[in-house]
């Protein structure tokens, strides 16, 4: 799967469930954890996704990945 295809799949998944962890994305999309991390860093750097930090029910920090308007446009463009 190319980087653009991986980025599209990640954007699509995060639009539906912003609280996905990188491990969940890796498992659900069939990508390595390293590939998910690489793609997330790229789409965050491009301003397609912003990160929100929150505490989960186990009082651990967790991230929420929120698509920006620019990210929604990019997802539509890649479709």
PDB file of N, CA and C in Angstrom:
ATOM      1  N   UNK A   1       0.858  -1.179   0.000  1.00  0.00           N
ATOM      2  CA  UNK A   1       0.000   0.000   0.000  1.00  0.00           C
ATOM      3  C   UNK A   1       0.903   1.239   0.000  1.00  0.00           C
ATOM      4  N   UNK A   2       0.637   2.173  -0.889  1.00  0.00           N
ATOM      5  CA  UNK A   2       1.449   3.386  -0.977  1.00  0.00           C
ATOM      6  C   UNK A   2       1.174   4.299   0.219  1.00  0.00           C
ATOM      7  N   UNK A   3       2.057   5.275   0.407  1.00  0.00           N
ATOM      8  CA  UNK A   3       1.872   6.225   1.506  1.00  0.00           C
ATOM      9  C   UNK A   3       0.569   7.002   1.360  1.00  0.00           C
ATOM     10  N   UNK A   4       0.233   7.398   0.135  1.00  0.00           N
ATOM     11  CA  UNK A   4      -1.018   8.149  -0.081  1.00  0.00           C
ATOM     12  C   UNK A   4      -2.232   7.289   0.258  1.00  0.00           C
ATOM     13  N   UNK A   5      -2.192   6.021  -0.128  1.00  0.00           N
ATOM     14  CA  UNK A   5      -3.300   5.117   0.209  1.00  0.00           C
ATOM     15  C   UNK A   5      -3.394   4.924   1.722  1.00  0.00           C
ATOM     16  N   UNK A   6      -2.244   4.779   2.361  1.00  0.00           N
ATOM     17  CA  UNK A   6      -2.218   4.614   3.817  1.00  0.00           C
ATOM     18  C   UNK A   6      -2.748   5.864   4.503  1.00  0.00           C
ATOM     19  N   UNK A   7      -2.321   7.028   4.030  1.00  0.00           N
ATOM     20  CA  UNK A   7      -2.798   8.282   4.615  1.00  0.00           C
ATOM     21  C   UNK A   7      -4.305   8.417   4.446  1.00  0.00           C
ATOM     22  N   UNK A   8      -4.823   8.044   3.278  1.00  0.00           N
ATOM     23  CA  UNK A   8      -6.265   8.109   3.052  1.00  0.00           C
ATOM     24  C   UNK A   8      -6.995   7.191   4.030  1.00  0.00           C
ATOM     25  N   UNK A   9      -6.514   5.968   4.178  1.00  0.00           N
ATOM     26  CA  UNK A   9      -7.157   5.019   5.087  1.00  0.00           C
ATOM     27  C   UNK A   9      -7.128   5.529   6.529  1.00  0.00           C
ATOM     28  N   UNK A  10      -6.024   6.139   6.922  1.00  0.00           N
ATOM     29  CA  UNK A  10      -5.911   6.689   8.279  1.00  0.00           C
ATOM     30  C   UNK A  10      -6.862   7.864   8.448  1.00  0.00           C
ATOM     31  N   UNK A  11      -6.899   8.776   7.479  1.00  0.00           N
ATOM     32  CA  UNK A  11      -7.818   9.919   7.557  1.00  0.00           C
ATOM     33  C   UNK A  11      -9.266   9.447   7.637  1.00  0.00           C
ATOM     34  N   UNK A  12      -9.604   8.463   6.828  1.00  0.00           N
ATOM     35  CA  UNK A  12     -10.964   7.921   6.818  1.00  0.00           C
ATOM     36  C   UNK A  12     -11.314   7.312   8.181  1.00  0.00           C
ATOM     37  N   UNK A  13     -10.395   6.559   8.739  1.00  0.00           N
ATOM     38  CA  UNK A  13     -10.627   5.926  10.041  1.00  0.00           C
ATOM     39  C   UNK A  13     -10.741   6.955  11.158  1.00  0.00           C
ATOM     40  N   UNK A  14      -9.871   7.963  11.131  1.00  0.00           N
ATOM     41  CA  UNK A  14      -9.897   8.979  12.186  1.00  0.00           C
ATOM     42  C   UNK A  14     -11.127   9.867  12.091  1.00  0.00           C
ATOM     43  N   UNK A  15     -11.650  10.039  10.890  1.00  0.00           N
ATOM     44  CA  UNK A  15     -12.879  10.813  10.747  1.00  0.00           C
ATOM     45  C   UNK A  15     -14.026  10.089  11.459  1.00  0.00           C
ATOM     46  N   UNK A  16     -14.030   8.777  11.370  1.00  0.00           N
ATOM     47  CA  UNK A  16     -15.083   7.983  12.001  1.00  0.00           C
ATOM     48  C   UNK A  16     -14.851   7.798  13.497  1.00  0.00           C
ATOM     49  N   UNK A  17     -13.584   7.651  13.905  1.00  0.00           N
ATOM     50  CA  UNK A  17     -13.264   7.405  15.314  1.00  0.00           C
ATOM     51  C   UNK A  17     -11.970   8.124  15.700  1.00  0.00           C
ATOM     52  N   UNK A  18     -12.080   9.387  16.168  1.00  0.00           N
ATOM     53  CA  UNK A  18     -10.886  10.173  16.488  1.00  0.00           C
ATOM     54  C   UNK A  18     -10.076   9.640  17.669  1.00  0.00           C
ATOM     55  N   UNK A  19     -10.658   8.763  18.480  1.00  0.00           N
ATOM     56  CA  UNK A  19      -9.948   8.259  19.656  1.00  0.00           C
ATOM     57  C   UNK A  19      -9.181   6.968  19.396  1.00  0.00           C
ATOM     58  N   UNK A  20      -9.071   6.566  18.133  1.00  0.00           N
ATOM     59  CA  UNK A  20      -8.257   5.406  17.794  1.00  0.00           C
ATOM     60  C   UNK A  20      -6.841   5.610  18.302  1.00  0.00           C
ATOM     61  N   UNK A  21      -6.243   4.550  18.809  1.00  0.00           N
ATOM     62  CA  UNK A  21      -4.818   4.600  19.124  1.00  0.00           C
ATOM     63  C   UNK A  21      -4.058   4.165  17.873  1.00  0.00           C
ATOM     64  N   UNK A  22      -2.772   4.429  17.876  1.00  0.00           N
ATOM     65  CA  UNK A  22      -1.962   3.998  16.740  1.00  0.00           C
ATOM     66  C   UNK A  22      -1.980   2.477  16.620  1.00  0.00           C
ATOM     67  N   UNK A  23      -1.995   1.790  17.738  1.00  0.00           N
ATOM     68  CA  UNK A  23      -2.050   0.322  17.710  1.00  0.00           C
ATOM     69  C   UNK A  23      -3.361  -0.177  17.104  1.00  0.00           C
ATOM     70  N   UNK A  24      -4.469   0.469  17.452  1.00  0.00           N
ATOM     71  CA  UNK A  24      -5.759   0.079  16.885  1.00  0.00           C
ATOM     72  C   UNK A  24      -5.783   0.323  15.378  1.00  0.00           C
ATOM     73  N   UNK A  25      -5.264   1.481  14.965  1.00  0.00           N
ATOM     74  CA  UNK A  25      -5.189   1.771  13.529  1.00  0.00           C
ATOM     75  C   UNK A  25      -4.349   0.714  12.818  1.00  0.00           C
ATOM     76  N   UNK A  26      -3.214   0.381  13.406  1.00  0.00           N
ATOM     77  CA  UNK A  26      -2.319  -0.612  12.820  1.00  0.00           C
ATOM     78  C   UNK A  26      -3.038  -1.946  12.630  1.00  0.00           C
ATOM     79  N   UNK A  27      -3.717  -2.386  13.658  1.00  0.00           N
ATOM     80  CA  UNK A  27      -4.421  -3.673  13.601  1.00  0.00           C
ATOM     81  C   UNK A  27      -5.578  -3.633  12.599  1.00  0.00           C
ATOM     82  N   UNK A  28      -6.407  -2.599  12.680  1.00  0.00           N
ATOM     83  CA  UNK A  28      -7.596  -2.514  11.826  1.00  0.00           C
ATOM     84  C   UNK A  28      -7.269  -2.316  10.347  1.00  0.00           C
ATOM     85  N   UNK A  29      -6.191  -1.584  10.071  1.00  0.00           N
ATOM     86  CA  UNK A  29      -5.841  -1.287   8.680  1.00  0.00           C
ATOM     87  C   UNK A  29      -4.827  -2.268   8.091  1.00  0.00           C
ATOM     88  N   UNK A  30      -4.280  -3.136   8.938  1.00  0.00           N
ATOM     89  CA  UNK A  30      -3.297  -4.097   8.455  1.00  0.00           C
ATOM     90  C   UNK A  30      -1.967  -3.462   8.104  1.00  0.00           C
ATOM     91  N   UNK A  31      -1.630  -2.380   8.802  1.00  0.00           N
ATOM     92  CA  UNK A  31      -0.367  -1.673   8.583  1.00  0.00           C
ATOM     93  C   UNK A  31       0.533  -1.885   9.788  1.00  0.00           C
ATOM     94  N   UNK A  32       1.831  -1.795   9.586  1.00  0.00           N
ATOM     95  CA  UNK A  32       2.737  -1.889  10.724  1.00  0.00           C
ATOM     96  C   UNK A  32       2.574  -0.647  11.599  1.00  0.00           C
ATOM     97  N   UNK A  33       2.908  -0.790  12.861  1.00  0.00           N
ATOM     98  CA  UNK A  33       2.822   0.334  13.782  1.00  0.00           C
ATOM     99  C   UNK A  33       3.742   1.471  13.329  1.00  0.00           C
ATOM    100  N   UNK A  34       4.914   1.125  12.821  1.00  0.00           N
ATOM    101  CA  UNK A  34       5.843   2.130  12.315  1.00  0.00           C
ATOM    102  C   UNK A  34       5.271   2.909  11.140  1.00  0.00           C
ATOM    103  N   UNK A  35       4.581   2.209  10.234  1.00  0.00           N
ATOM    104  CA  UNK A  35       3.963   2.867   9.065  1.00  0.00           C
ATOM    105  C   UNK A  35       2.866   3.819   9.521  1.00  0.00           C
ATOM    106  N   UNK A  36       2.041   3.391  10.496  1.00  0.00           N
ATOM    107  CA  UNK A  36       0.983   4.257  11.023  1.00  0.00           C
ATOM    108  C   UNK A  36       1.602   5.500  11.646  1.00  0.00           C
ATOM    109  N   UNK A  37       2.646   5.312  12.446  1.00  0.00           N
ATOM    110  CA  UNK A  37       3.310   6.438  13.092  1.00  0.00           C
ATOM    111  C   UNK A  37       3.891   7.391  12.055  1.00  0.00           C
ATOM    112  N   UNK A  38       4.552   6.855  11.035  1.00  0.00           N
ATOM    113  CA  UNK A  38       5.145   7.660   9.965  1.00  0.00           C
ATOM    114  C   UNK A  38       4.075   8.481   9.242  1.00  0.00           C
ATOM    115  N   UNK A  39       2.972   7.825   8.882  1.00  0.00           N
ATOM    116  CA  UNK A  39       1.893   8.510   8.158  1.00  0.00           C
ATOM    117  C   UNK A  39       1.220   9.562   9.037  1.00  0.00           C
ATOM    118  N   UNK A  40       1.004   9.239  10.310  1.00  0.00           N
ATOM    119  CA  UNK A  40       0.387  10.215  11.213  1.00  0.00           C
ATOM    120  C   UNK A  40       1.258  11.458  11.360  1.00  0.00           C
ATOM    121  N   UNK A  41       2.565  11.256  11.535  1.00  0.00           N
ATOM    122  CA  UNK A  41       3.470  12.408  11.636  1.00  0.00           C
ATOM    123  C   UNK A  41       3.376  13.272  10.384  1.00  0.00           C
ATOM    124  N   UNK A  42       3.289  12.629   9.238  1.00  0.00           N
ATOM    125  CA  UNK A  42       3.203  13.352   7.972  1.00  0.00           C
ATOM    126  C   UNK A  42       1.909  14.157   7.875  1.00  0.00           C
ATOM    127  N   UNK A  43       0.765  13.527   8.170  1.00  0.00           N
ATOM    128  CA  UNK A  43      -0.505  14.244   8.021  1.00  0.00           C
ATOM    129  C   UNK A  43      -0.694  15.292   9.115  1.00  0.00           C
ATOM    130  N   UNK A  44      -0.097  15.076  10.278  1.00  0.00           N
ATOM    131  CA  UNK A  44      -0.133  16.108  11.324  1.00  0.00           C
ATOM    132  C   UNK A  44       0.713  17.300  10.875  1.00  0.00           C
ATOM    133  N   UNK A  45       1.897  17.014  10.325  1.00  0.00           N
ATOM    134  CA  UNK A  45       2.786  18.066   9.841  1.00  0.00           C
ATOM    135  C   UNK A  45       2.189  18.894   8.715  1.00  0.00           C
ATOM    136  N   UNK A  46       1.337  18.276   7.909  1.00  0.00           N
ATOM    137  CA  UNK A  46       0.682  18.984   6.807  1.00  0.00           C
ATOM    138  C   UNK A  46      -0.562  19.738   7.265  1.00  0.00           C
ATOM    139  N   UNK A  47      -0.931  19.578   8.534  1.00  0.00           N
ATOM    140  CA  UNK A  47      -2.094  20.292   9.065  1.00  0.00           C
ATOM    141  C   UNK A  47      -3.421  19.619   8.775  1.00  0.00           C
ATOM    142  N   UNK A  48      -3.389  18.328   8.410  1.00  0.00           N
ATOM    143  CA  UNK A  48      -4.631  17.612   8.115  1.00  0.00           C
ATOM    144  C   UNK A  48      -5.305  17.084   9.381  1.00  0.00           C
ATOM    145  N   UNK A  49      -4.507  16.902  10.423  1.00  0.00           N
ATOM    146  CA  UNK A  49      -5.000  16.368  11.697  1.00  0.00           C
ATOM    147  C   UNK A  49      -4.368  17.172  12.816  1.00  0.00           C
ATOM    148  N   UNK A  50      -5.154  17.427  13.870  1.00  0.00           N
ATOM    149  CA  UNK A  50      -4.576  18.033  15.066  1.00  0.00           C
ATOM    150  C   UNK A  50      -4.753  17.049  16.215  1.00  0.00           C
ATOM    151  N   UNK A  51      -3.872  17.149  17.188  1.00  0.00           N
ATOM    152  CA  UNK A  51      -3.871  16.223  18.318  1.00  0.00           C
ATOM    153  C   UNK A  51      -4.480  16.904  19.528  1.00  0.00           C
ATOM    154  N   UNK A  52      -5.351  16.180  20.213  1.00  0.00           N
ATOM    155  CA  UNK A  52      -5.928  16.634  21.470  1.00  0.00           C
ATOM    156  C   UNK A  52      -5.571  15.590  22.519  1.00  0.00           C
ATOM    157  N   UNK A  53      -5.108  16.028  23.669  1.00  0.00           N
ATOM    158  CA  UNK A  53      -4.684  15.140  24.739  1.00  0.00           C
ATOM    159  C   UNK A  53      -5.782  15.070  25.787  1.00  0.00           C
ATOM    160  N   UNK A  54      -6.094  13.876  26.281  1.00  0.00           N
ATOM    161  CA  UNK A  54      -7.098  13.738  27.337  1.00  0.00           C
ATOM    162  C   UNK A  54      -6.752  12.541  28.211  1.00  0.00           C
ATOM    163  N   UNK A  55      -7.398  12.452  29.366  1.00  0.00           N
ATOM    164  CA  UNK A  55      -7.208  11.323  30.278  1.00  0.00           C
ATOM    165  C   UNK A  55      -8.299  10.293  30.011  1.00  0.00           C
ATOM    166  N   UNK A  56      -7.905   9.043  29.859  1.00  0.00           N
ATOM    167  CA  UNK A  56      -8.915   7.998  29.667  1.00  0.00           C
ATOM    168  C   UNK A  56      -9.400   7.498  31.023  1.00  0.00           C
ATOM    169  N   UNK A  57     -10.286   6.518  31.026  1.00  0.00           N
ATOM    170  CA  UNK A  57     -10.877   6.059  32.276  1.00  0.00           C
ATOM    171  C   UNK A  57      -9.878   5.372  33.201  1.00  0.00           C
ATOM    172  N   UNK A  58      -8.720   5.012  32.716  1.00  0.00           N
ATOM    173  CA  UNK A  58      -7.676   4.426  33.561  1.00  0.00           C
ATOM    174  C   UNK A  58      -6.708   5.501  34.042  1.00  0.00           C
ATOM    175  N   UNK A  59      -7.106   6.763  33.872  1.00  0.00           N
ATOM    176  CA  UNK A  59      -6.319   7.927  34.273  1.00  0.00           C
ATOM    177  C   UNK A  59      -4.962   7.986  33.560  1.00  0.00           C
ATOM    178  N   UNK A  60      -4.925   7.477  32.347  1.00  0.00           N
ATOM    179  CA  UNK A  60      -3.727   7.562  31.524  1.00  0.00           C
ATOM    180  C   UNK A  60      -3.964   8.588  30.432  1.00  0.00           C
ATOM    181  N   UNK A  61      -2.899   9.237  30.021  1.00  0.00           N
ATOM    182  CA  UNK A  61      -3.013  10.180  28.908  1.00  0.00           C
ATOM    183  C   UNK A  61      -3.264   9.416  27.620  1.00  0.00           C
ATOM    184  N   UNK A  62      -4.136   9.957  26.815  1.00  0.00           N
ATOM    185  CA  UNK A  62      -4.434   9.368  25.511  1.00  0.00           C
ATOM    186  C   UNK A  62      -4.621  10.513  24.530  1.00  0.00           C
ATOM    187  N   UNK A  63      -4.441  10.229  23.262  1.00  0.00           N
ATOM    188  CA  UNK A  63      -4.578  11.251  22.235  1.00  0.00           C
ATOM    189  C   UNK A  63      -5.844  11.037  21.429  1.00  0.00           C
ATOM    190  N   UNK A  64      -6.391  12.144  21.005  1.00  0.00           N
ATOM    191  CA  UNK A  64      -7.507  12.134  20.072  1.00  0.00           C
ATOM    192  C   UNK A  64      -6.995  12.832  18.818  1.00  0.00           C
ATOM    193  N   UNK A  65      -7.197  12.217  17.670  1.00  0.00           N
ATOM    194  CA  UNK A  65      -6.722  12.765  16.403  1.00  0.00           C
ATOM    195  C   UNK A  65      -7.918  13.353  15.662  1.00  0.00           C
ATOM    196  N   UNK A  66      -7.959  14.664  15.561  1.00  0.00           N
ATOM    197  CA  UNK A  66      -9.110  15.357  14.986  1.00  0.00           C
ATOM    198  C   UNK A  66      -8.778  15.886  13.595  1.00  0.00           C
ATOM    199  N   UNK A  67      -9.600  15.524  12.619  1.00  0.00           N
ATOM    200  CA  UNK A  67      -9.405  16.036  11.266  1.00  0.00           C
ATOM    201  C   UNK A  67      -9.708  17.527  11.232  1.00  0.00           C
ATOM    202  N   UNK A  68      -8.848  18.266  10.582  1.00  0.00           N
ATOM    203  CA  UNK A  68      -9.064  19.692  10.380  1.00  0.00           C
ATOM    204  C   UNK A  68      -9.861  19.859   9.081  1.00  0.00           C
ATOM    205  N   UNK A  69     -10.389  21.049   8.830  1.00  0.00           N
ATOM    206  CA  UNK A  69     -11.054  21.271   7.535  1.00  0.00           C
ATOM    207  C   UNK A  69     -10.129  20.934   6.357  1.00  0.00           C
ATOM    208  N   UNK A  70      -8.850  21.251   6.518  1.00  0.00           N
ATOM    209  CA  UNK A  70      -7.868  20.928   5.478  1.00  0.00           C
ATOM    210  C   UNK A  70      -7.746  19.404   5.307  1.00  0.00           C
ATOM    211  N   UNK A  71      -7.830  18.665   6.407  1.00  0.00           N
ATOM    212  CA  UNK A  71      -7.765  17.206   6.358  1.00  0.00           C
ATOM    213  C   UNK A  71      -8.979  16.602   5.682  1.00  0.00           C
ATOM    214  N   UNK A  72     -10.143  17.187   5.931  1.00  0.00           N
ATOM    215  CA  UNK A  72     -11.373  16.713   5.289  1.00  0.00           C
ATOM    216  C   UNK A  72     -11.295  16.936   3.782  1.00  0.00           C
ATOM    217  N   UNK A  73     -10.757  18.094   3.390  1.00  0.00           N
ATOM    218  CA  UNK A  73     -10.575  18.381   1.957  1.00  0.00           C
ATOM    219  C   UNK A  73      -9.605  17.386   1.323  1.00  0.00           C
ATOM    220  N   UNK A  74      -8.514  17.099   2.026  1.00  0.00           N
ATOM    221  CA  UNK A  74      -7.511  16.168   1.495  1.00  0.00           C
ATOM    222  C   UNK A  74      -8.099  14.765   1.356  1.00  0.00           C
ATOM    223  N   UNK A  75      -8.876  14.333   2.330  1.00  0.00           N
ATOM    224  CA  UNK A  75      -9.511  13.014   2.257  1.00  0.00           C
ATOM    225  C   UNK A  75     -10.430  12.939   1.043  1.00  0.00           C
ATOM    226  N   UNK A  76     -11.199  13.999   0.822  1.00  0.00           N
ATOM    227  CA  UNK A  76     -12.103  14.038  -0.333  1.00  0.00           C
ATOM    228  C   UNK A  76     -11.304  14.029  -1.642  1.00  0.00           C
ATOM    229  N   UNK A  77     -10.175  14.735  -1.653  1.00  0.00           N
ATOM    230  CA  UNK A  77      -9.338  14.794  -2.851  1.00  0.00           C
ATOM    231  C   UNK A  77      -8.732  13.428  -3.169  1.00  0.00           C
ATOM    232  N   UNK A  78      -8.360  12.684  -2.142  1.00  0.00           N
ATOM    233  CA  UNK A  78      -7.727  11.383  -2.339  1.00  0.00           C
ATOM    234  C   UNK A  78      -8.721  10.287  -2.714  1.00  0.00           C
ATOM    235  N   UNK A  79      -9.993  10.563  -2.537  1.00  0.00           N
ATOM    236  CA  UNK A  79     -11.018   9.547  -2.811  1.00  0.00           C
ATOM    237  C   UNK A  79     -11.060   9.173  -4.277  1.00  0.00           C
TER     238      UNK A  79
END
